[in-house]
């Protein structure tokens, strides 16, 4: 995954935990999940519009 090993991922997690705190992490994860879901949906909708224009 992006050439990152276990040690690097653990270090990133510790830094994120330090900046955001334990209470904010679930909210941050939830909002990131929603953002990714909306991005994927937007990409799908854009492709569907392009397919309709070509027809």
PDB file of N, CA and C in Angstrom:
ATOM      1  N   UNK A   1       0.850  -1.187   0.000  1.00  0.00           N
ATOM      2  CA  UNK A   1       0.000   0.000   0.000  1.00  0.00           C
ATOM      3  C   UNK A   1       0.887   1.239   0.000  1.00  0.00           C
ATOM      4  N   UNK A   2       1.075   1.857  -1.121  1.00  0.00           N
ATOM      5  CA  UNK A   2       1.838   3.095  -1.289  1.00  0.00           C
ATOM      6  C   UNK A   2       3.281   2.954  -0.822  1.00  0.00           C
ATOM      7  N   UNK A   3       3.781   1.753  -0.700  1.00  0.00           N
ATOM      8  CA  UNK A   3       5.149   1.541  -0.282  1.00  0.00           C
ATOM      9  C   UNK A   3       5.407   1.852   1.183  1.00  0.00           C
ATOM     10  N   UNK A   4       4.373   1.927   1.990  1.00  0.00           N
ATOM     11  CA  UNK A   4       4.529   2.202   3.418  1.00  0.00           C
ATOM     12  C   UNK A   4       4.524   0.897   4.190  1.00  0.00           C
ATOM     13  N   UNK A   5       5.455   0.763   5.091  1.00  0.00           N
ATOM     14  CA  UNK A   5       5.509  -0.416   5.937  1.00  0.00           C
ATOM     15  C   UNK A   5       4.719  -0.217   7.213  1.00  0.00           C
ATOM     16  N   UNK A   6       4.754  -1.235   8.057  1.00  0.00           N
ATOM     17  CA  UNK A   6       4.005  -1.185   9.311  1.00  0.00           C
ATOM     18  C   UNK A   6       4.503  -0.065  10.213  1.00  0.00           C
ATOM     19  N   UNK A   7       5.804   0.134  10.280  1.00  0.00           N
ATOM     20  CA  UNK A   7       6.371   1.178  11.139  1.00  0.00           C
ATOM     21  C   UNK A   7       5.937   2.574  10.725  1.00  0.00           C
ATOM     22  N   UNK A   8       5.940   2.822   9.411  1.00  0.00           N
ATOM     23  CA  UNK A   8       5.515   4.135   8.923  1.00  0.00           C
ATOM     24  C   UNK A   8       4.038   4.399   9.204  1.00  0.00           C
ATOM     25  N   UNK A   9       3.210   3.367   8.981  1.00  0.00           N
ATOM     26  CA  UNK A   9       1.777   3.530   9.253  1.00  0.00           C
ATOM     27  C   UNK A   9       1.508   3.768  10.733  1.00  0.00           C
ATOM     28  N   UNK A  10       2.243   3.085  11.580  1.00  0.00           N
ATOM     29  CA  UNK A  10       2.099   3.277  13.021  1.00  0.00           C
ATOM     30  C   UNK A  10       2.507   4.689  13.420  1.00  0.00           C
ATOM     31  N   UNK A  11       3.589   5.193  12.854  1.00  0.00           N
ATOM     32  CA  UNK A  11       4.032   6.563  13.136  1.00  0.00           C
ATOM     33  C   UNK A  11       2.991   7.587  12.687  1.00  0.00           C
ATOM     34  N   UNK A  12       2.418   7.397  11.518  1.00  0.00           N
ATOM     35  CA  UNK A  12       1.370   8.305  11.030  1.00  0.00           C
ATOM     36  C   UNK A  12       0.165   8.269  11.952  1.00  0.00           C
ATOM     37  N   UNK A  13      -0.223   7.091  12.410  1.00  0.00           N
ATOM     38  CA  UNK A  13      -1.361   6.965  13.325  1.00  0.00           C
ATOM     39  C   UNK A  13      -1.099   7.689  14.636  1.00  0.00           C
ATOM     40  N   UNK A  14       0.109   7.569  15.173  1.00  0.00           N
ATOM     41  CA  UNK A  14       0.457   8.255  16.417  1.00  0.00           C
ATOM     42  C   UNK A  14       0.412   9.773  16.222  1.00  0.00           C
ATOM     43  N   UNK A  15       0.921  10.267  15.108  1.00  0.00           N
ATOM     44  CA  UNK A  15       0.905  11.710  14.841  1.00  0.00           C
ATOM     45  C   UNK A  15      -0.526  12.211  14.713  1.00  0.00           C
ATOM     46  N   UNK A  16      -1.375  11.468  13.994  1.00  0.00           N
ATOM     47  CA  UNK A  16      -2.785  11.856  13.849  1.00  0.00           C
ATOM     48  C   UNK A  16      -3.471  11.845  15.203  1.00  0.00           C
ATOM     49  N   UNK A  17      -3.202  10.843  16.003  1.00  0.00           N
ATOM     50  CA  UNK A  17      -3.792  10.766  17.344  1.00  0.00           C
ATOM     51  C   UNK A  17      -3.346  11.947  18.200  1.00  0.00           C
ATOM     52  N   UNK A  18      -2.088  12.335  18.061  1.00  0.00           N
ATOM     53  CA  UNK A  18      -1.568  13.475  18.815  1.00  0.00           C
ATOM     54  C   UNK A  18      -2.264  14.769  18.408  1.00  0.00           C
ATOM     55  N   UNK A  19      -2.452  14.988  17.110  1.00  0.00           N
ATOM     56  CA  UNK A  19      -3.051  16.239  16.642  1.00  0.00           C
ATOM     57  C   UNK A  19      -4.545  16.325  16.917  1.00  0.00           C
ATOM     58  N   UNK A  20      -5.270  15.237  16.695  1.00  0.00           N
ATOM     59  CA  UNK A  20      -6.727  15.297  16.774  1.00  0.00           C
ATOM     60  C   UNK A  20      -7.292  14.775  18.086  1.00  0.00           C
ATOM     61  N   UNK A  21      -6.578  13.974  18.813  1.00  0.00           N
ATOM     62  CA  UNK A  21      -7.082  13.439  20.070  1.00  0.00           C
ATOM     63  C   UNK A  21      -7.991  12.245  19.847  1.00  0.00           C
ATOM     64  N   UNK A  22      -8.213  11.505  20.899  1.00  0.00           N
ATOM     65  CA  UNK A  22      -9.002  10.283  20.817  1.00  0.00           C
ATOM     66  C   UNK A  22     -10.468  10.501  20.529  1.00  0.00           C
ATOM     67  N   UNK A  23     -11.027  11.612  20.994  1.00  0.00           N
ATOM     68  CA  UNK A  23     -12.460  11.853  20.801  1.00  0.00           C
ATOM     69  C   UNK A  23     -12.784  12.283  19.378  1.00  0.00           C
ATOM     70  N   UNK A  24     -11.853  12.927  18.704  1.00  0.00           N
ATOM     71  CA  UNK A  24     -12.100  13.422  17.351  1.00  0.00           C
ATOM     72  C   UNK A  24     -11.869  12.373  16.272  1.00  0.00           C
ATOM     73  N   UNK A  25     -11.130  11.304  16.568  1.00  0.00           N
ATOM     74  CA  UNK A  25     -10.809  10.312  15.540  1.00  0.00           C
ATOM     75  C   UNK A  25     -12.041   9.644  14.925  1.00  0.00           C
ATOM     76  N   UNK A  26     -13.050   9.220  15.713  1.00  0.00           N
ATOM     77  CA  UNK A  26     -14.234   8.632  15.060  1.00  0.00           C
ATOM     78  C   UNK A  26     -14.956   9.627  14.145  1.00  0.00           C
ATOM     79  N   UNK A  27     -15.042  10.878  14.557  1.00  0.00           N
ATOM     80  CA  UNK A  27     -15.678  11.894  13.718  1.00  0.00           C
ATOM     81  C   UNK A  27     -14.881  12.108  12.442  1.00  0.00           C
ATOM     82  N   UNK A  28     -13.566  12.150  12.580  1.00  0.00           N
ATOM     83  CA  UNK A  28     -12.692  12.339  11.422  1.00  0.00           C
ATOM     84  C   UNK A  28     -12.822  11.169  10.451  1.00  0.00           C
ATOM     85  N   UNK A  29     -12.832   9.946  10.962  1.00  0.00           N
ATOM     86  CA  UNK A  29     -12.998   8.769  10.121  1.00  0.00           C
ATOM     87  C   UNK A  29     -14.340   8.750   9.415  1.00  0.00           C
ATOM     88  N   UNK A  30     -15.379   9.147  10.135  1.00  0.00           N
ATOM     89  CA  UNK A  30     -16.717   9.181   9.551  1.00  0.00           C
ATOM     90  C   UNK A  30     -16.794  10.206   8.426  1.00  0.00           C
ATOM     91  N   UNK A  31     -16.261  11.378   8.644  1.00  0.00           N
ATOM     92  CA  UNK A  31     -16.310  12.411   7.614  1.00  0.00           C
ATOM     93  C   UNK A  31     -15.435  12.046   6.420  1.00  0.00           C
ATOM     94  N   UNK A  32     -14.301  11.396   6.655  1.00  0.00           N
ATOM     95  CA  UNK A  32     -13.449  10.960   5.531  1.00  0.00           C
ATOM     96  C   UNK A  32     -14.164   9.893   4.712  1.00  0.00           C
ATOM     97  N   UNK A  33     -14.865   8.971   5.382  1.00  0.00           N
ATOM     98  CA  UNK A  33     -15.622   7.943   4.676  1.00  0.00           C
ATOM     99  C   UNK A  33     -16.717   8.536   3.817  1.00  0.00           C
ATOM    100  N   UNK A  34     -17.426   9.525   4.357  1.00  0.00           N
ATOM    101  CA  UNK A  34     -18.482  10.192   3.591  1.00  0.00           C
ATOM    102  C   UNK A  34     -17.900  10.935   2.397  1.00  0.00           C
ATOM    103  N   UNK A  35     -16.753  11.568   2.587  1.00  0.00           N
ATOM    104  CA  UNK A  35     -16.113  12.305   1.492  1.00  0.00           C
ATOM    105  C   UNK A  35     -15.705  11.359   0.369  1.00  0.00           C
ATOM    106  N   UNK A  36     -15.147  10.215   0.721  1.00  0.00           N
ATOM    107  CA  UNK A  36     -14.734   9.236  -0.292  1.00  0.00           C
ATOM    108  C   UNK A  36     -15.964   8.686  -1.022  1.00  0.00           C
ATOM    109  N   UNK A  37     -17.028   8.421  -0.270  1.00  0.00           N
ATOM    110  CA  UNK A  37     -18.261   7.914  -0.882  1.00  0.00           C
ATOM    111  C   UNK A  37     -18.838   8.927  -1.861  1.00  0.00           C
ATOM    112  N   UNK A  38     -18.873  10.210  -1.469  1.00  0.00           N
ATOM    113  CA  UNK A  38     -19.390  11.248  -2.352  1.00  0.00           C
ATOM    114  C   UNK A  38     -18.504  11.434  -3.572  1.00  0.00           C
ATOM    115  N   UNK A  39     -17.194  11.318  -3.403  1.00  0.00           N
ATOM    116  CA  UNK A  39     -16.274  11.442  -4.524  1.00  0.00           C
ATOM    117  C   UNK A  39     -16.509  10.328  -5.539  1.00  0.00           C
ATOM    118  N   UNK A  40     -16.646   9.093  -5.049  1.00  0.00           N
ATOM    119  CA  UNK A  40     -16.895   7.965  -5.944  1.00  0.00           C
ATOM    120  C   UNK A  40     -18.226   8.133  -6.669  1.00  0.00           C
ATOM    121  N   UNK A  41     -19.242   8.594  -5.950  1.00  0.00           N
ATOM    122  CA  UNK A  41     -20.554   8.806  -6.569  1.00  0.00           C
ATOM    123  C   UNK A  41     -20.467   9.893  -7.635  1.00  0.00           C
ATOM    124  N   UNK A  42     -19.729  10.962  -7.357  1.00  0.00           N
ATOM    125  CA  UNK A  42     -19.552  12.031  -8.336  1.00  0.00           C
ATOM    126  C   UNK A  42     -18.817  11.556  -9.579  1.00  0.00           C
ATOM    127  N   UNK A  43     -17.806  10.719  -9.387  1.00  0.00           N
ATOM    128  CA  UNK A  43     -17.078  10.173 -10.529  1.00  0.00           C
ATOM    129  C   UNK A  43     -17.999   9.293 -11.379  1.00  0.00           C
ATOM    130  N   UNK A  44     -18.840   8.509 -10.717  1.00  0.00           N
ATOM    131  CA  UNK A  44     -19.777   7.635 -11.435  1.00  0.00           C
ATOM    132  C   UNK A  44     -20.797   8.474 -12.201  1.00  0.00           C
ATOM    133  N   UNK A  45     -21.334   9.519 -11.558  1.00  0.00           N
ATOM    134  CA  UNK A  45     -22.311  10.379 -12.208  1.00  0.00           C
ATOM    135  C   UNK A  45     -21.686  11.097 -13.401  1.00  0.00           C
ATOM    136  N   UNK A  46     -20.455  11.544 -13.254  1.00  0.00           N
ATOM    137  CA  UNK A  46     -19.769  12.219 -14.354  1.00  0.00           C
ATOM    138  C   UNK A  46     -19.559  11.294 -15.534  1.00  0.00           C
ATOM    139  N   UNK A  47     -19.223  10.039 -15.256  1.00  0.00           N
ATOM    140  CA  UNK A  47     -19.027   9.069 -16.333  1.00  0.00           C
ATOM    141  C   UNK A  47     -20.351   8.783 -17.023  1.00  0.00           C
ATOM    142  N   UNK A  48     -21.434   8.678 -16.249  1.00  0.00           N
ATOM    143  CA  UNK A  48     -22.752   8.430 -16.833  1.00  0.00           C
ATOM    144  C   UNK A  48     -23.150   9.590 -17.741  1.00  0.00           C
ATOM    145  N   UNK A  49     -22.857  10.834 -17.344  1.00  0.00           N
ATOM    146  CA  UNK A  49     -23.182  11.989 -18.186  1.00  0.00           C
ATOM    147  C   UNK A  49     -22.384  11.973 -19.470  1.00  0.00           C
ATOM    148  N   UNK A  50     -21.105  11.586 -19.382  1.00  0.00           N
ATOM    149  CA  UNK A  50     -20.262  11.505 -20.578  1.00  0.00           C
ATOM    150  C   UNK A  50     -20.782  10.442 -21.525  1.00  0.00           C
ATOM    151  N   UNK A  51     -21.227   9.303 -20.990  1.00  0.00           N
ATOM    152  CA  UNK A  51     -21.768   8.237 -21.818  1.00  0.00           C
ATOM    153  C   UNK A  51     -23.047   8.690 -22.517  1.00  0.00           C
ATOM    154  N   UNK A  52     -23.878   9.489 -21.836  1.00  0.00           N
ATOM    155  CA  UNK A  52     -25.118   9.979 -22.419  1.00  0.00           C
ATOM    156  C   UNK A  52     -24.839  10.983 -23.528  1.00  0.00           C
ATOM    157  N   UNK A  53     -23.791  11.800 -23.389  1.00  0.00           N
ATOM    158  CA  UNK A  53     -23.444  12.784 -24.416  1.00  0.00           C
ATOM    159  C   UNK A  53     -22.957  12.105 -25.689  1.00  0.00           C
ATOM    160  N   UNK A  54     -22.263  10.976 -25.540  1.00  0.00           N
ATOM    161  CA  UNK A  54     -21.726  10.262 -26.689  1.00  0.00           C
ATOM    162  C   UNK A  54     -22.802   9.562 -27.468  1.00  0.00           C
ATOM    163  N   UNK A  55     -23.922   9.215 -26.838  1.00  0.00           N
ATOM    164  CA  UNK A  55     -24.989   8.471 -27.505  1.00  0.00           C
ATOM    165  C   UNK A  55     -25.803   9.324 -28.424  1.00  0.00           C
TER     166      UNK A  55
END
